[in-house]
């Protein structure tokens, strides 16, 4: 068993995924955070399909001025727009093993302001 940050995050991630499942009308909002960027996906686990995705690499967000926290908030707004265009108003939030602070919290708060409930 490896005792490093990545293995610890994977254990936490698997523990979270045991309880959180996404459906067609209430998908899972999965977050992945790299050193420089942040990604969010709306996933239907029943079909194994991605309903919508947003990331800080998209042209409108990448060119925006600001730090990583502000770009995470823009990704949260974008994923909320995608969800509302698909008729989704509630999601189950999957923080992906990351602590709920910083960029992950910023994304979640912006998605809530955009109209998502979780």
N, C-alpha and C. Protein backbone atom coordinates (compact mmCIF):
# COMPACT_ATOMS: atom_id res chain seq x y z
N UNK A 1 0.84 -1.17 0.00
CA UNK A 1 0.00 0.00 0.00
C UNK A 1 0.89 1.25 0.00
N UNK A 2 0.62 2.14 -0.93
CA UNK A 2 1.41 3.37 -1.04
C UNK A 2 0.83 4.43 -0.12
N UNK A 3 1.70 5.17 0.50
CA UNK A 3 1.28 6.23 1.40
C UNK A 3 1.71 7.56 0.82
N UNK A 4 1.00 8.00 -0.19
CA UNK A 4 1.27 9.31 -0.75
C UNK A 4 -0.05 10.04 -1.00
N UNK A 5 0.03 11.28 -1.43
CA UNK A 5 -1.16 12.09 -1.62
C UNK A 5 -2.13 11.48 -2.62
N UNK A 6 -1.58 10.98 -3.71
CA UNK A 6 -2.42 10.45 -4.78
C UNK A 6 -3.18 9.21 -4.33
N UNK A 7 -2.52 8.30 -3.63
CA UNK A 7 -3.18 7.09 -3.15
C UNK A 7 -4.24 7.44 -2.10
N UNK A 8 -3.94 8.42 -1.26
CA UNK A 8 -4.91 8.86 -0.25
C UNK A 8 -6.15 9.43 -0.92
N UNK A 9 -5.96 10.25 -1.95
CA UNK A 9 -7.09 10.85 -2.66
C UNK A 9 -7.91 9.76 -3.35
N UNK A 10 -7.26 8.75 -3.91
CA UNK A 10 -7.99 7.67 -4.56
C UNK A 10 -8.85 6.90 -3.56
N UNK A 11 -8.31 6.63 -2.37
CA UNK A 11 -9.10 5.93 -1.35
C UNK A 11 -10.33 6.75 -0.97
N UNK A 12 -10.15 8.05 -0.77
CA UNK A 12 -11.27 8.93 -0.43
C UNK A 12 -12.28 8.95 -1.58
N UNK A 13 -11.75 9.03 -2.81
CA UNK A 13 -12.61 9.08 -4.00
C UNK A 13 -13.47 7.84 -4.12
N UNK A 14 -12.89 6.67 -3.90
CA UNK A 14 -13.66 5.44 -3.98
C UNK A 14 -14.70 5.37 -2.86
N UNK A 15 -14.38 5.87 -1.69
CA UNK A 15 -15.32 5.89 -0.58
C UNK A 15 -16.52 6.78 -0.90
N UNK A 16 -16.25 7.93 -1.53
CA UNK A 16 -17.34 8.84 -1.92
C UNK A 16 -18.21 8.18 -2.99
N UNK A 17 -17.57 7.55 -3.97
CA UNK A 17 -18.30 6.97 -5.10
C UNK A 17 -19.18 5.79 -4.70
N UNK A 18 -18.92 5.18 -3.55
CA UNK A 18 -19.78 4.10 -3.08
C UNK A 18 -21.19 4.60 -2.81
N UNK A 19 -21.30 5.85 -2.36
CA UNK A 19 -22.60 6.38 -1.97
C UNK A 19 -23.23 7.28 -3.02
N UNK A 20 -22.44 7.94 -3.86
CA UNK A 20 -22.97 8.89 -4.83
C UNK A 20 -23.13 8.22 -6.19
N UNK A 21 -24.34 8.25 -6.72
CA UNK A 21 -24.63 7.73 -8.05
C UNK A 21 -25.40 8.80 -8.82
N UNK A 22 -25.08 8.96 -10.08
CA UNK A 22 -25.77 9.92 -10.91
C UNK A 22 -26.83 9.24 -11.76
N UNK A 23 -27.97 9.89 -11.91
CA UNK A 23 -29.05 9.38 -12.76
C UNK A 23 -29.34 10.41 -13.85
N UNK A 24 -30.28 10.10 -14.72
CA UNK A 24 -30.59 11.00 -15.83
C UNK A 24 -31.16 12.32 -15.34
N UNK A 25 -32.04 12.27 -14.32
CA UNK A 25 -32.64 13.52 -13.84
C UNK A 25 -31.87 14.14 -12.69
N UNK A 26 -30.94 13.42 -12.08
CA UNK A 26 -30.07 13.98 -11.04
C UNK A 26 -28.66 13.43 -11.24
N UNK A 27 -27.92 14.01 -12.20
CA UNK A 27 -26.59 13.48 -12.50
C UNK A 27 -25.56 13.81 -11.42
N UNK A 28 -24.42 13.17 -11.54
CA UNK A 28 -23.30 13.41 -10.63
C UNK A 28 -22.46 14.53 -11.22
N UNK A 29 -22.18 15.55 -10.42
CA UNK A 29 -21.29 16.64 -10.84
C UNK A 29 -19.89 16.30 -10.33
N UNK A 30 -19.07 15.75 -11.23
CA UNK A 30 -17.73 15.30 -10.86
C UNK A 30 -16.71 16.40 -11.12
N UNK A 31 -15.81 16.60 -10.18
CA UNK A 31 -14.79 17.65 -10.29
C UNK A 31 -13.41 17.00 -10.33
N UNK A 32 -12.58 17.45 -11.27
CA UNK A 32 -11.18 17.06 -11.30
C UNK A 32 -10.35 18.32 -11.27
N UNK A 33 -9.35 18.33 -10.42
CA UNK A 33 -8.52 19.52 -10.23
C UNK A 33 -7.08 19.15 -10.53
N UNK A 34 -6.48 19.80 -11.52
CA UNK A 34 -5.06 19.61 -11.76
C UNK A 34 -4.32 20.80 -11.16
N UNK A 35 -3.01 20.84 -11.33
CA UNK A 35 -2.27 21.96 -10.77
C UNK A 35 -2.66 23.30 -11.38
N UNK A 36 -2.97 23.29 -12.67
CA UNK A 36 -3.24 24.55 -13.35
C UNK A 36 -4.70 24.75 -13.73
N UNK A 37 -5.47 23.68 -13.90
CA UNK A 37 -6.83 23.79 -14.42
C UNK A 37 -7.81 23.03 -13.55
N UNK A 38 -9.11 23.23 -13.86
CA UNK A 38 -10.17 22.51 -13.16
C UNK A 38 -11.22 22.09 -14.18
N UNK A 39 -11.77 20.90 -14.00
CA UNK A 39 -12.71 20.32 -14.94
C UNK A 39 -13.95 19.88 -14.17
N UNK A 40 -15.13 19.99 -14.80
CA UNK A 40 -16.38 19.54 -14.20
C UNK A 40 -17.19 18.80 -15.25
N UNK A 41 -17.81 17.69 -14.83
CA UNK A 41 -18.63 16.89 -15.73
C UNK A 41 -19.95 16.53 -15.07
N UNK A 42 -21.01 16.50 -15.86
CA UNK A 42 -22.30 15.98 -15.42
C UNK A 42 -22.40 14.56 -15.96
N UNK A 43 -22.48 13.58 -15.07
CA UNK A 43 -22.39 12.17 -15.47
C UNK A 43 -23.64 11.41 -15.05
N UNK A 44 -24.19 10.64 -15.99
CA UNK A 44 -25.27 9.70 -15.71
C UNK A 44 -24.64 8.33 -15.53
N UNK A 45 -24.55 7.86 -14.30
CA UNK A 45 -23.88 6.58 -14.00
C UNK A 45 -24.70 5.37 -14.44
N UNK A 46 -26.01 5.53 -14.58
CA UNK A 46 -26.84 4.41 -15.02
C UNK A 46 -26.49 4.00 -16.45
N UNK A 47 -26.30 5.00 -17.33
CA UNK A 47 -25.96 4.73 -18.73
C UNK A 47 -24.46 4.76 -18.96
N UNK A 48 -23.71 5.36 -18.04
CA UNK A 48 -22.28 5.53 -18.24
C UNK A 48 -21.97 6.62 -19.26
N UNK A 49 -22.79 7.66 -19.29
CA UNK A 49 -22.61 8.73 -20.27
C UNK A 49 -22.36 10.06 -19.59
N UNK A 50 -21.66 10.93 -20.30
CA UNK A 50 -21.43 12.29 -19.84
C UNK A 50 -22.48 13.19 -20.48
N UNK A 51 -23.24 13.90 -19.66
CA UNK A 51 -24.31 14.76 -20.15
C UNK A 51 -23.74 16.10 -20.61
N UNK A 52 -22.78 16.61 -19.87
CA UNK A 52 -22.17 17.89 -20.22
C UNK A 52 -20.86 18.06 -19.47
N UNK A 53 -20.00 18.92 -20.00
CA UNK A 53 -18.70 19.14 -19.37
C UNK A 53 -18.26 20.58 -19.56
N UNK A 54 -17.46 21.06 -18.62
CA UNK A 54 -16.87 22.40 -18.71
C UNK A 54 -15.49 22.34 -18.07
N UNK A 55 -14.59 23.18 -18.56
CA UNK A 55 -13.26 23.21 -17.97
C UNK A 55 -12.67 24.60 -18.11
N UNK A 56 -11.59 24.84 -17.40
CA UNK A 56 -10.93 26.13 -17.46
C UNK A 56 -10.09 26.27 -18.72
N UNK A 57 -10.06 25.23 -19.57
CA UNK A 57 -9.33 25.29 -20.84
C UNK A 57 -10.19 25.84 -21.98
N UNK A 58 -11.49 26.03 -21.75
CA UNK A 58 -12.36 26.56 -22.79
C UNK A 58 -11.97 28.01 -23.10
N UNK A 59 -12.18 28.41 -24.35
CA UNK A 59 -11.65 29.69 -24.82
C UNK A 59 -12.11 30.90 -24.00
N UNK A 60 -13.40 30.96 -23.68
CA UNK A 60 -13.91 32.10 -22.93
C UNK A 60 -13.34 32.18 -21.53
N UNK A 61 -13.12 31.04 -20.92
CA UNK A 61 -12.62 30.99 -19.54
C UNK A 61 -11.10 31.15 -19.52
N UNK A 62 -10.42 30.56 -20.49
CA UNK A 62 -8.96 30.60 -20.51
C UNK A 62 -8.45 32.02 -20.72
N UNK A 63 -9.17 32.82 -21.52
CA UNK A 63 -8.73 34.18 -21.79
C UNK A 63 -9.14 35.16 -20.70
N UNK A 64 -10.01 34.72 -19.79
CA UNK A 64 -10.47 35.61 -18.72
C UNK A 64 -9.32 35.93 -17.78
N UNK A 65 -9.29 37.16 -17.34
CA UNK A 65 -8.27 37.57 -16.37
C UNK A 65 -8.68 37.05 -15.00
N UNK A 66 -7.70 36.74 -14.18
CA UNK A 66 -8.01 36.31 -12.83
C UNK A 66 -7.17 35.12 -12.42
N UNK A 67 -7.27 34.81 -11.14
CA UNK A 67 -6.51 33.68 -10.61
C UNK A 67 -7.31 32.38 -10.77
N UNK A 68 -6.75 31.30 -10.26
CA UNK A 68 -7.38 29.98 -10.43
C UNK A 68 -8.73 29.90 -9.71
N UNK A 69 -8.89 30.59 -8.59
CA UNK A 69 -10.16 30.60 -7.87
C UNK A 69 -11.26 31.22 -8.73
N UNK A 70 -10.94 32.34 -9.37
CA UNK A 70 -11.93 33.02 -10.20
C UNK A 70 -12.27 32.21 -11.44
N UNK A 71 -11.28 31.52 -12.00
CA UNK A 71 -11.55 30.67 -13.16
C UNK A 71 -12.39 29.46 -12.77
N UNK A 72 -12.20 28.94 -11.56
CA UNK A 72 -13.03 27.83 -11.08
C UNK A 72 -14.49 28.28 -10.94
N UNK A 73 -14.69 29.52 -10.51
CA UNK A 73 -16.05 30.06 -10.41
C UNK A 73 -16.68 30.18 -11.79
N UNK A 74 -15.90 30.57 -12.79
CA UNK A 74 -16.42 30.65 -14.15
C UNK A 74 -16.82 29.26 -14.68
N UNK A 75 -16.03 28.24 -14.32
CA UNK A 75 -16.37 26.87 -14.72
C UNK A 75 -17.67 26.44 -14.04
N UNK A 76 -17.85 26.82 -12.79
CA UNK A 76 -19.09 26.51 -12.07
C UNK A 76 -20.31 27.15 -12.73
N UNK A 77 -20.16 28.41 -13.15
CA UNK A 77 -21.27 29.08 -13.84
C UNK A 77 -21.57 28.40 -15.17
N UNK A 78 -20.52 28.02 -15.88
CA UNK A 78 -20.68 27.38 -17.19
C UNK A 78 -21.38 26.03 -17.06
N UNK A 79 -21.01 25.23 -16.07
CA UNK A 79 -21.64 23.92 -15.90
C UNK A 79 -23.09 24.07 -15.46
N UNK A 80 -23.40 25.13 -14.72
CA UNK A 80 -24.79 25.41 -14.34
C UNK A 80 -25.62 25.79 -15.57
N UNK A 81 -25.02 26.56 -16.48
CA UNK A 81 -25.72 26.91 -17.72
C UNK A 81 -25.99 25.67 -18.56
N UNK A 82 -25.01 24.79 -18.66
CA UNK A 82 -25.16 23.56 -19.44
C UNK A 82 -26.28 22.71 -18.84
N UNK A 83 -26.28 22.60 -17.51
CA UNK A 83 -27.30 21.80 -16.83
C UNK A 83 -28.69 22.37 -17.05
N UNK A 84 -28.83 23.68 -16.94
CA UNK A 84 -30.15 24.28 -17.11
C UNK A 84 -30.63 24.15 -18.55
N UNK A 85 -29.71 24.20 -19.52
CA UNK A 85 -30.12 24.03 -20.92
C UNK A 85 -30.59 22.60 -21.19
N UNK A 86 -30.11 21.63 -20.42
CA UNK A 86 -30.53 20.23 -20.56
C UNK A 86 -31.72 19.91 -19.66
N UNK A 87 -32.22 20.90 -18.91
CA UNK A 87 -33.38 20.68 -18.05
C UNK A 87 -33.05 20.04 -16.72
N UNK A 88 -31.80 20.18 -16.27
CA UNK A 88 -31.38 19.59 -14.99
C UNK A 88 -31.31 20.70 -13.95
N UNK A 89 -31.95 20.48 -12.81
CA UNK A 89 -31.90 21.49 -11.76
C UNK A 89 -31.25 21.00 -10.47
N UNK A 90 -31.07 19.67 -10.33
CA UNK A 90 -30.45 19.12 -9.12
C UNK A 90 -29.37 18.13 -9.52
N UNK A 91 -28.25 18.17 -8.79
CA UNK A 91 -27.13 17.26 -9.04
C UNK A 91 -26.63 16.72 -7.71
N UNK A 92 -25.89 15.62 -7.76
CA UNK A 92 -25.18 15.15 -6.58
C UNK A 92 -23.70 15.50 -6.79
N UNK A 93 -23.12 16.19 -5.84
CA UNK A 93 -21.78 16.75 -5.99
C UNK A 93 -20.73 15.72 -5.60
N UNK A 94 -19.80 15.46 -6.52
CA UNK A 94 -18.69 14.53 -6.29
C UNK A 94 -17.40 15.35 -6.29
N UNK A 95 -16.85 15.56 -5.11
CA UNK A 95 -15.67 16.41 -5.01
C UNK A 95 -14.39 15.69 -5.42
N UNK A 96 -14.47 14.43 -5.77
CA UNK A 96 -13.36 13.69 -6.33
C UNK A 96 -12.21 13.44 -5.38
N UNK A 97 -12.48 13.39 -4.10
CA UNK A 97 -11.42 13.14 -3.13
C UNK A 97 -10.69 14.38 -2.67
N UNK A 98 -11.02 15.53 -3.25
CA UNK A 98 -10.39 16.78 -2.84
C UNK A 98 -11.14 17.36 -1.65
N UNK A 99 -10.45 18.13 -0.84
CA UNK A 99 -11.11 18.82 0.26
C UNK A 99 -12.05 19.87 -0.29
N UNK A 100 -13.15 20.11 0.41
CA UNK A 100 -14.14 21.09 -0.05
C UNK A 100 -13.71 22.48 0.41
N UNK A 101 -12.68 22.99 -0.22
CA UNK A 101 -12.27 24.37 0.02
C UNK A 101 -11.48 24.82 -1.19
N UNK A 102 -11.20 26.09 -1.27
CA UNK A 102 -10.43 26.60 -2.39
C UNK A 102 -11.18 26.53 -3.69
N UNK A 103 -10.53 25.97 -4.73
CA UNK A 103 -11.11 25.94 -6.07
C UNK A 103 -12.35 25.07 -6.15
N UNK A 104 -12.38 23.97 -5.42
CA UNK A 104 -13.54 23.08 -5.44
C UNK A 104 -14.75 23.80 -4.85
N UNK A 105 -14.56 24.49 -3.75
CA UNK A 105 -15.64 25.25 -3.12
C UNK A 105 -16.10 26.40 -4.01
N UNK A 106 -15.15 27.06 -4.65
CA UNK A 106 -15.48 28.16 -5.55
C UNK A 106 -16.35 27.68 -6.71
N UNK A 107 -16.00 26.54 -7.28
CA UNK A 107 -16.79 25.96 -8.36
C UNK A 107 -18.20 25.60 -7.88
N UNK A 108 -18.29 24.98 -6.71
CA UNK A 108 -19.58 24.57 -6.17
C UNK A 108 -20.47 25.77 -5.86
N UNK A 109 -19.90 26.81 -5.26
CA UNK A 109 -20.69 28.01 -4.94
C UNK A 109 -21.21 28.69 -6.20
N UNK A 110 -20.37 28.76 -7.24
CA UNK A 110 -20.80 29.38 -8.49
C UNK A 110 -21.88 28.56 -9.17
N UNK A 111 -21.78 27.23 -9.08
CA UNK A 111 -22.81 26.37 -9.67
C UNK A 111 -24.14 26.54 -8.92
N UNK A 112 -24.07 26.72 -7.61
CA UNK A 112 -25.29 26.98 -6.83
C UNK A 112 -25.91 28.31 -7.21
N UNK A 113 -25.08 29.33 -7.39
CA UNK A 113 -25.59 30.63 -7.79
C UNK A 113 -26.19 30.57 -9.20
N UNK A 114 -25.66 29.66 -10.03
CA UNK A 114 -26.18 29.48 -11.37
C UNK A 114 -27.51 28.73 -11.43
N UNK A 115 -27.96 28.24 -10.28
CA UNK A 115 -29.28 27.62 -10.23
C UNK A 115 -29.28 26.13 -9.93
N UNK A 116 -28.12 25.51 -9.77
CA UNK A 116 -28.08 24.09 -9.44
C UNK A 116 -28.34 23.88 -7.95
N UNK A 117 -29.02 22.77 -7.64
CA UNK A 117 -29.26 22.42 -6.23
C UNK A 117 -28.52 21.14 -5.92
N UNK A 118 -27.75 21.16 -4.82
CA UNK A 118 -27.09 19.95 -4.33
C UNK A 118 -26.76 20.08 -2.88
